[in-house]
Amino acid sequence: MKLSELPRRTAATVERVEDQMPNDAIARRLRELGFVMGERVEVVAAGPISAEPLLVQVGFTRFALRTSEAARVRVVSASAATEKGA
């Protein structure tokens, strides 16, 4: 699932950040900001117009991301991870 598709206030874990092209600067910057495998992430809120931007919390830090940027982050929801482990 993409981070941009994650329902608000649903805990998830980052699986990976997808590069859209070689040397993708946006994907690299997302990784530098903490969007790395295993990190807890949550969509806290969305903007009033077209749900832009998304307020996303990774760890204890919050960022405003465009939907296109959040779509690069692949996550697994906490409930799906629990079901896989059962």
N, C-alpha and C. Protein backbone atom coordinates (compact mmCIF):
# COMPACT_ATOMS: atom_id res chain seq x y z
N MET A 1 0.84 -1.17 0.00
CA MET A 1 0.00 0.00 0.00
C MET A 1 0.90 1.24 0.00
N LYS A 2 0.45 2.28 -0.68
CA LYS A 2 1.18 3.54 -0.70
C LYS A 2 0.80 4.36 0.53
N LEU A 3 1.73 5.15 1.02
CA LEU A 3 1.46 6.02 2.15
C LEU A 3 0.32 6.98 1.83
N SER A 4 0.21 7.40 0.58
CA SER A 4 -0.86 8.31 0.19
C SER A 4 -2.24 7.67 0.27
N GLU A 5 -2.30 6.34 0.31
CA GLU A 5 -3.56 5.60 0.40
C GLU A 5 -3.91 5.19 1.83
N LEU A 6 -3.00 5.38 2.74
CA LEU A 6 -3.20 4.97 4.14
C LEU A 6 -4.28 5.84 4.78
N PRO A 7 -5.29 5.22 5.40
CA PRO A 7 -6.32 6.01 6.10
C PRO A 7 -5.70 6.83 7.23
N ARG A 8 -6.29 7.98 7.49
CA ARG A 8 -5.78 8.83 8.58
C ARG A 8 -5.84 8.09 9.91
N ARG A 9 -4.85 8.41 10.74
CA ARG A 9 -4.74 7.87 12.10
C ARG A 9 -4.64 6.34 12.13
N THR A 10 -4.03 5.76 11.09
CA THR A 10 -3.78 4.33 11.05
C THR A 10 -2.27 4.11 11.09
N ALA A 11 -1.81 3.37 12.08
CA ALA A 11 -0.38 3.11 12.20
C ALA A 11 0.07 2.15 11.10
N ALA A 12 1.26 2.40 10.58
CA ALA A 12 1.83 1.55 9.55
C ALA A 12 3.35 1.53 9.72
N THR A 13 3.99 0.65 8.96
CA THR A 13 5.44 0.53 8.97
C THR A 13 5.95 0.71 7.55
N VAL A 14 7.01 1.48 7.40
CA VAL A 14 7.60 1.71 6.09
C VAL A 14 8.25 0.43 5.59
N GLU A 15 7.95 0.06 4.35
CA GLU A 15 8.61 -1.07 3.70
C GLU A 15 9.78 -0.58 2.84
N ARG A 16 9.51 0.47 2.04
CA ARG A 16 10.57 1.01 1.17
C ARG A 16 10.09 2.33 0.57
N VAL A 17 11.05 3.06 0.01
CA VAL A 17 10.76 4.25 -0.78
C VAL A 17 11.13 3.90 -2.21
N GLU A 18 10.18 4.09 -3.12
CA GLU A 18 10.39 3.71 -4.52
C GLU A 18 10.97 4.88 -5.30
N ASP A 19 12.01 4.60 -6.08
CA ASP A 19 12.59 5.59 -6.98
C ASP A 19 11.80 5.60 -8.27
N GLN A 20 11.48 6.78 -8.78
CA GLN A 20 10.76 6.89 -10.05
C GLN A 20 11.70 7.02 -11.24
N MET A 21 12.99 7.31 -10.95
CA MET A 21 14.01 7.43 -11.99
C MET A 21 15.36 7.20 -11.34
N PRO A 22 16.39 6.96 -12.12
CA PRO A 22 17.73 6.83 -11.52
C PRO A 22 18.11 8.11 -10.80
N ASN A 23 18.78 7.97 -9.69
CA ASN A 23 19.20 9.11 -8.86
C ASN A 23 18.04 10.04 -8.52
N ASP A 24 16.94 9.45 -8.07
CA ASP A 24 15.73 10.20 -7.73
C ASP A 24 15.97 11.03 -6.46
N ALA A 25 16.07 12.35 -6.63
CA ALA A 25 16.39 13.24 -5.52
C ALA A 25 15.29 13.26 -4.46
N ILE A 26 14.03 13.18 -4.87
CA ILE A 26 12.93 13.20 -3.90
C ILE A 26 12.94 11.93 -3.06
N ALA A 27 13.11 10.78 -3.70
CA ALA A 27 13.16 9.52 -2.95
C ALA A 27 14.35 9.51 -2.00
N ARG A 28 15.48 10.01 -2.44
CA ARG A 28 16.67 10.07 -1.58
C ARG A 28 16.39 10.98 -0.37
N ARG A 29 15.75 12.12 -0.61
CA ARG A 29 15.45 13.05 0.48
C ARG A 29 14.47 12.44 1.48
N LEU A 30 13.47 11.71 0.99
CA LEU A 30 12.53 11.03 1.89
C LEU A 30 13.27 10.06 2.80
N ARG A 31 14.22 9.31 2.24
CA ARG A 31 15.02 8.38 3.06
C ARG A 31 15.84 9.14 4.10
N GLU A 32 16.42 10.27 3.69
CA GLU A 32 17.22 11.09 4.62
C GLU A 32 16.36 11.63 5.76
N LEU A 33 15.08 11.90 5.48
CA LEU A 33 14.17 12.42 6.50
C LEU A 33 13.70 11.35 7.47
N GLY A 34 13.96 10.07 7.17
CA GLY A 34 13.60 9.01 8.10
C GLY A 34 12.61 8.00 7.57
N PHE A 35 12.20 8.11 6.32
CA PHE A 35 11.29 7.13 5.73
C PHE A 35 12.12 5.92 5.30
N VAL A 36 12.47 5.09 6.28
CA VAL A 36 13.31 3.92 6.04
C VAL A 36 12.58 2.66 6.54
N MET A 37 12.99 1.53 6.01
CA MET A 37 12.34 0.27 6.34
C MET A 37 12.25 0.06 7.86
N GLY A 38 11.04 -0.29 8.31
CA GLY A 38 10.82 -0.60 9.71
C GLY A 38 10.37 0.58 10.56
N GLU A 39 10.42 1.79 10.01
CA GLU A 39 10.04 2.98 10.79
C GLU A 39 8.51 3.10 10.83
N ARG A 40 7.99 3.47 12.00
CA ARG A 40 6.54 3.66 12.16
C ARG A 40 6.14 4.96 11.50
N VAL A 41 4.99 4.94 10.81
CA VAL A 41 4.51 6.11 10.10
C VAL A 41 2.99 6.18 10.23
N GLU A 42 2.46 7.41 10.15
CA GLU A 42 1.02 7.63 10.28
C GLU A 42 0.64 8.91 9.55
N VAL A 43 -0.48 8.89 8.85
CA VAL A 43 -1.02 10.11 8.24
C VAL A 43 -1.88 10.77 9.31
N VAL A 44 -1.48 11.94 9.74
CA VAL A 44 -2.16 12.63 10.84
C VAL A 44 -3.35 13.44 10.33
N ALA A 45 -3.16 14.13 9.21
CA ALA A 45 -4.23 14.98 8.66
C ALA A 45 -3.97 15.22 7.19
N ALA A 46 -4.99 15.76 6.52
CA ALA A 46 -4.86 16.13 5.12
C ALA A 46 -5.42 17.53 4.92
N GLY A 47 -4.88 18.22 3.95
CA GLY A 47 -5.32 19.58 3.67
C GLY A 47 -6.75 19.62 3.15
N PRO A 48 -7.34 20.80 3.16
CA PRO A 48 -8.75 20.94 2.80
C PRO A 48 -9.04 20.85 1.30
N ILE A 49 -8.06 21.14 0.46
CA ILE A 49 -8.29 21.14 -0.99
C ILE A 49 -7.58 19.94 -1.60
N SER A 50 -8.36 19.01 -2.14
CA SER A 50 -7.82 17.79 -2.77
C SER A 50 -6.94 16.99 -1.83
N ALA A 51 -7.16 17.13 -0.53
CA ALA A 51 -6.38 16.41 0.49
C ALA A 51 -4.89 16.68 0.36
N GLU A 52 -4.53 17.89 -0.05
CA GLU A 52 -3.12 18.29 -0.17
C GLU A 52 -2.83 19.40 0.81
N PRO A 53 -1.73 19.45 1.46
CA PRO A 53 -0.75 18.38 1.61
C PRO A 53 -1.19 17.39 2.68
N LEU A 54 -0.45 16.31 2.81
CA LEU A 54 -0.68 15.34 3.88
C LEU A 54 0.26 15.67 5.03
N LEU A 55 -0.24 15.66 6.24
CA LEU A 55 0.60 15.80 7.42
C LEU A 55 0.93 14.39 7.87
N VAL A 56 2.20 14.03 7.77
CA VAL A 56 2.65 12.67 8.03
C VAL A 56 3.62 12.68 9.20
N GLN A 57 3.44 11.73 10.10
CA GLN A 57 4.37 11.59 11.23
C GLN A 57 5.19 10.34 11.01
N VAL A 58 6.51 10.49 11.03
CA VAL A 58 7.43 9.36 10.96
C VAL A 58 8.29 9.45 12.21
N GLY A 59 8.23 8.40 13.01
CA GLY A 59 8.89 8.47 14.32
C GLY A 59 8.18 9.52 15.15
N PHE A 60 8.94 10.51 15.63
CA PHE A 60 8.37 11.58 16.44
C PHE A 60 8.34 12.92 15.69
N THR A 61 8.59 12.88 14.38
CA THR A 61 8.68 14.09 13.58
C THR A 61 7.54 14.14 12.57
N ARG A 62 7.00 15.33 12.34
CA ARG A 62 5.91 15.50 11.38
C ARG A 62 6.39 16.29 10.17
N PHE A 63 5.90 15.86 9.00
CA PHE A 63 6.24 16.50 7.74
C PHE A 63 4.98 16.73 6.93
N ALA A 64 4.98 17.78 6.14
CA ALA A 64 3.92 18.01 5.15
C ALA A 64 4.44 17.49 3.82
N LEU A 65 3.73 16.53 3.24
CA LEU A 65 4.13 15.93 1.96
C LEU A 65 3.04 16.12 0.92
N ARG A 66 3.45 16.31 -0.31
CA ARG A 66 2.50 16.26 -1.41
C ARG A 66 2.05 14.82 -1.56
N THR A 67 0.87 14.63 -2.12
CA THR A 67 0.36 13.28 -2.34
C THR A 67 1.31 12.50 -3.26
N SER A 68 1.87 13.15 -4.25
CA SER A 68 2.80 12.49 -5.17
C SER A 68 4.06 12.02 -4.45
N GLU A 69 4.51 12.77 -3.45
CA GLU A 69 5.68 12.35 -2.66
C GLU A 69 5.32 11.19 -1.75
N ALA A 70 4.16 11.26 -1.11
CA ALA A 70 3.73 10.18 -0.22
C ALA A 70 3.49 8.89 -1.00
N ALA A 71 3.14 8.99 -2.26
CA ALA A 71 2.89 7.80 -3.09
C ALA A 71 4.17 7.02 -3.35
N ARG A 72 5.32 7.60 -3.15
CA ARG A 72 6.59 6.90 -3.33
C ARG A 72 6.93 5.99 -2.16
N VAL A 73 6.27 6.20 -1.02
CA VAL A 73 6.57 5.44 0.20
C VAL A 73 5.61 4.25 0.29
N ARG A 74 6.15 3.05 0.29
CA ARG A 74 5.35 1.83 0.44
C ARG A 74 5.31 1.47 1.92
N VAL A 75 4.09 1.18 2.41
CA VAL A 75 3.91 0.85 3.82
C VAL A 75 3.06 -0.41 3.97
N VAL A 76 3.13 -0.99 5.14
CA VAL A 76 2.20 -2.06 5.51
C VAL A 76 1.53 -1.61 6.81
N SER A 77 0.21 -1.65 6.83
CA SER A 77 -0.51 -1.20 8.02
C SER A 77 -0.24 -2.15 9.18
N ALA A 78 -0.34 -1.64 10.38
CA ALA A 78 -0.07 -2.44 11.57
C ALA A 78 -1.03 -3.63 11.66
N SER A 79 -2.28 -3.44 11.25
CA SER A 79 -3.25 -4.53 11.31
C SER A 79 -2.90 -5.62 10.30
N ALA A 80 -2.42 -5.25 9.11
CA ALA A 80 -2.03 -6.23 8.11
C ALA A 80 -0.79 -6.99 8.57
N ALA A 81 0.13 -6.32 9.22
CA ALA A 81 1.34 -6.98 9.73
C ALA A 81 0.98 -7.99 10.81
N THR A 82 0.00 -7.65 11.66
CA THR A 82 -0.45 -8.55 12.71
C THR A 82 -1.09 -9.80 12.10
N GLU A 83 -1.91 -9.61 11.06
CA GLU A 83 -2.57 -10.74 10.41
C GLU A 83 -1.56 -11.67 9.75
N LYS A 84 -0.50 -11.11 9.15
CA LYS A 84 0.52 -11.93 8.51
C LYS A 84 1.27 -12.77 9.55
N GLY A 85 1.50 -12.18 10.71
CA GLY A 85 2.24 -12.87 11.77
C GLY A 85 1.44 -13.92 12.48
N ALA A 86 0.10 -13.88 12.38
CA ALA A 86 -0.76 -14.82 13.10
C ALA A 86 -0.81 -16.17 12.45
